[in-house]
C-alpha cells in the first residue's frame, strides 16, 4: 500500500457504515474495484487531470465556504 493513496477501502478491521457518495477523486481509492460489504461507494468521479478537476468542480467550489461571515 502506498502512503499517498486517496483512500483505502479494504482495511482491517473492516469498515462498517461508511458512505463515499458524489465525491471527486484524483485517483481511484484502493479497493474500489471490490468494495467491502460495509461500504457504500456510488456516484463518485475520478478525474486525473488538474484542469479537468477544476472545470468539473467549479460550481461546487463557488458555493463552498462559511454559510455566514464570522
C-alpha atoms as a PDB file:
ATOM      1  CA  UNK A   1       0.000   0.000   0.000  1.00  0.00           C
ATOM      2  CA  UNK A   2       1.285   3.455  -0.897  1.00  0.00           C
ATOM      3  CA  UNK A   3       1.311   6.335   1.578  1.00  0.00           C
ATOM      4  CA  UNK A   4      -0.123   8.748  -0.993  1.00  0.00           C
ATOM      5  CA  UNK A   5      -3.295   6.759  -1.727  1.00  0.00           C
ATOM      6  CA  UNK A   6      -6.501   8.789  -1.949  1.00  0.00           C
ATOM      7  CA  UNK A   7      -8.387   6.354   0.277  1.00  0.00           C
ATOM      8  CA  UNK A   8      -8.246   2.694   1.191  1.00  0.00           C
ATOM      9  CA  UNK A   9     -11.474   0.691   1.339  1.00  0.00           C
ATOM     10  CA  UNK A  10     -10.005  -2.722   2.221  1.00  0.00           C
ATOM     11  CA  UNK A  11      -8.752  -2.359   5.806  1.00  0.00           C
ATOM     12  CA  UNK A  12      -8.625  -4.449   8.979  1.00  0.00           C
ATOM     13  CA  UNK A  13     -10.860  -4.377  10.889  1.00  0.00           C
ATOM     14  CA  UNK A  14     -13.324  -3.904   8.004  1.00  0.00           C
ATOM     15  CA  UNK A  15     -15.095  -0.587   7.513  1.00  0.00           C
ATOM     16  CA  UNK A  16     -18.734  -0.535   8.588  1.00  0.00           C
ATOM     17  CA  UNK A  17     -21.448   2.002   7.785  1.00  0.00           C
ATOM     18  CA  UNK A  18     -19.143   4.148   5.644  1.00  0.00           C
ATOM     19  CA  UNK A  19     -20.508   6.104   2.668  1.00  0.00           C
ATOM     20  CA  UNK A  20     -18.485   7.535  -0.219  1.00  0.00           C
ATOM     21  CA  UNK A  21     -21.066   9.264  -2.429  1.00  0.00           C
ATOM     22  CA  UNK A  22     -20.751  12.063  -5.030  1.00  0.00           C
ATOM     23  CA  UNK A  23     -17.032  12.621  -4.435  1.00  0.00           C
ATOM     24  CA  UNK A  24     -14.390  13.794  -6.886  1.00  0.00           C
ATOM     25  CA  UNK A  25     -11.122  11.840  -6.755  1.00  0.00           C
ATOM     26  CA  UNK A  26      -7.753  12.367  -8.425  1.00  0.00           C
ATOM     27  CA  UNK A  27      -7.184   8.592  -8.267  1.00  0.00           C
ATOM     28  CA  UNK A  28      -9.456   5.649  -7.559  1.00  0.00           C
ATOM     29  CA  UNK A  29      -9.407   4.578  -3.905  1.00  0.00           C
ATOM     30  CA  UNK A  30      -7.629   1.301  -3.272  1.00  0.00           C
ATOM     31  CA  UNK A  31     -10.286  -1.392  -3.161  1.00  0.00           C
ATOM     32  CA  UNK A  32     -12.872   0.494  -5.237  1.00  0.00           C
ATOM     33  CA  UNK A  33     -12.915  -2.395  -7.725  1.00  0.00           C
ATOM     34  CA  UNK A  34     -14.172  -4.728  -4.952  1.00  0.00           C
ATOM     35  CA  UNK A  35     -15.992  -2.557  -2.393  1.00  0.00           C
ATOM     36  CA  UNK A  36     -16.471  -4.262   1.006  1.00  0.00           C
ATOM     37  CA  UNK A  37     -19.967  -5.035   2.311  1.00  0.00           C
ATOM     38  CA  UNK A  38     -19.852  -2.283   4.973  1.00  0.00           C
ATOM     39  CA  UNK A  39     -19.098   0.473   2.452  1.00  0.00           C
ATOM     40  CA  UNK A  40     -21.458   2.339   0.117  1.00  0.00           C
ATOM     41  CA  UNK A  41     -19.472   3.610  -2.876  1.00  0.00           C
ATOM     42  CA  UNK A  42     -21.653   5.298  -5.503  1.00  0.00           C
ATOM     43  CA  UNK A  43     -21.730   8.194  -7.987  1.00  0.00           C
ATOM     44  CA  UNK A  44     -18.059   9.038  -7.428  1.00  0.00           C
ATOM     45  CA  UNK A  45     -15.992  10.584 -10.216  1.00  0.00           C
ATOM     46  CA  UNK A  46     -12.279  10.103 -10.842  1.00  0.00           C
ATOM     47  CA  UNK A  47     -10.581  12.930 -12.747  1.00  0.00           C
ATOM     48  CA  UNK A  48      -6.818  12.634 -13.106  1.00  0.00           C
ATOM     49  CA  UNK A  49      -6.048  15.937 -14.849  1.00  0.00           C
ATOM     50  CA  UNK A  50      -5.993  19.026 -12.543  1.00  0.00           C
ATOM     51  CA  UNK A  51      -7.545  21.301 -15.212  1.00  0.00           C
ATOM     52  CA  UNK A  52     -10.412  18.833 -15.753  1.00  0.00           C
ATOM     53  CA  UNK A  53     -10.971  18.632 -11.991  1.00  0.00           C
ATOM     54  CA  UNK A  54     -11.125  22.433 -11.773  1.00  0.00           C
ATOM     55  CA  UNK A  55     -13.722  22.594 -14.561  1.00  0.00           C
ATOM     56  CA  UNK A  56     -15.843  19.769 -13.144  1.00  0.00           C
ATOM     57  CA  UNK A  57     -15.942  21.247  -9.627  1.00  0.00           C
ATOM     58  CA  UNK A  58     -16.164  24.983 -10.426  1.00  0.00           C
ATOM     59  CA  UNK A  59     -19.810  25.358  -9.286  1.00  0.00           C
ATOM     60  CA  UNK A  60     -19.163  23.326  -6.134  1.00  0.00           C
ATOM     61  CA  UNK A  61     -16.117  25.429  -5.265  1.00  0.00           C
ATOM     62  CA  UNK A  62     -18.073  28.659  -5.799  1.00  0.00           C
ATOM     63  CA  UNK A  63     -20.655  27.520  -3.229  1.00  0.00           C
ATOM     64  CA  UNK A  64     -18.104  26.254  -0.696  1.00  0.00           C
ATOM     65  CA  UNK A  65     -17.283  28.196   2.433  1.00  0.00           C
ATOM     66  CA  UNK A  66     -18.975  29.556   5.501  1.00  0.00           C
ATOM     67  CA  UNK A  67     -22.741  29.959   5.472  1.00  0.00           C
ATOM     68  CA  UNK A  68     -22.368  33.309   7.230  1.00  0.00           C
ATOM     69  CA  UNK A  69     -19.368  35.542   7.980  1.00  0.00           C
ATOM     70  CA  UNK A  70     -17.549  35.123  11.288  1.00  0.00           C
END
